[in-house]
Amino acid sequence: MFKSTILKHITKHRMQKTKELIKKKEYKISEISYMVDYKNPQHFTVAFKKFYGVLPSSVI
């Protein structure tokens, strides 16, 4: 019906928020990972790279 799972929808929302926060340059990547509810910055980096195809540090 929605052509997406709840998990994919949540991940998409988190990644969009993450990209906004990174572009503001007010926070470190590790701080942003906690702000978007990742418990481990390394897991966040892997998820970001999987979603966007680049590391979060390359967006800065």
Protein backbone atom coordinates (compact mmCIF):
# COMPACT_ATOMS: atom_id res chain seq x y z
CA MET A 1 0.00 0.00 0.00
CA PHE A 2 2.74 2.53 0.96
CA LYS A 3 5.53 0.90 -1.09
CA SER A 4 7.86 1.16 1.89
CA THR A 5 8.34 -0.36 5.30
CA ILE A 6 8.11 1.64 8.51
CA LEU A 7 11.83 1.08 9.09
CA LYS A 8 12.70 2.49 5.65
CA HIS A 9 10.47 5.50 6.27
CA ILE A 10 12.11 6.18 9.66
CA THR A 11 15.59 5.77 8.17
CA LYS A 12 14.76 8.17 5.33
CA HIS A 13 13.50 10.76 7.83
CA ARG A 14 16.59 10.35 10.06
CA MET A 15 18.95 10.69 7.10
CA GLN A 16 17.22 13.82 5.82
CA LYS A 17 17.44 15.39 9.27
CA THR A 18 21.08 14.32 9.52
CA LYS A 19 21.99 15.97 6.22
CA GLU A 20 20.35 19.23 7.35
CA LEU A 21 22.28 19.18 10.62
CA ILE A 22 25.60 18.40 8.93
CA LYS A 23 25.17 21.30 6.48
CA LYS A 24 24.57 23.72 9.38
CA LYS A 25 28.10 22.90 10.64
CA GLU A 26 27.08 23.48 14.26
CA TYR A 27 27.70 19.95 15.52
CA LYS A 28 30.24 17.17 15.20
CA ILE A 29 29.20 14.07 13.26
CA SER A 30 29.20 12.01 16.47
CA GLU A 31 26.86 14.52 18.16
CA ILE A 32 24.51 14.40 15.20
CA SER A 33 24.44 10.60 15.30
CA TYR A 34 23.14 10.74 18.87
CA MET A 35 20.67 13.51 17.98
CA VAL A 36 19.03 11.33 15.33
CA ASP A 37 18.86 8.41 17.77
CA TYR A 38 21.82 6.24 16.82
CA LYS A 39 23.45 4.70 19.87
CA ASN A 40 26.80 4.19 18.14
CA PRO A 41 28.44 6.72 15.78
CA GLN A 42 30.04 3.91 13.75
CA HIS A 43 26.62 2.38 13.05
CA PHE A 44 25.40 5.81 12.03
CA THR A 45 28.31 6.25 9.59
CA VAL A 46 27.59 2.86 8.01
CA ALA A 47 23.87 3.68 7.68
CA PHE A 48 24.63 7.11 6.19
CA LYS A 49 27.03 5.66 3.63
CA LYS A 50 24.53 2.94 2.72
CA PHE A 51 21.75 5.52 2.28
CA TYR A 52 23.66 8.31 0.46
CA GLY A 53 26.67 6.43 -0.94
CA VAL A 54 29.16 8.80 0.73
CA LEU A 55 30.55 9.29 4.21
CA PRO A 56 28.94 11.95 6.40
CA SER A 57 32.24 13.84 6.56
CA SER A 58 32.17 14.35 2.78
CA VAL A 59 28.92 16.34 3.04
CA ILE A 60 30.57 19.06 5.11
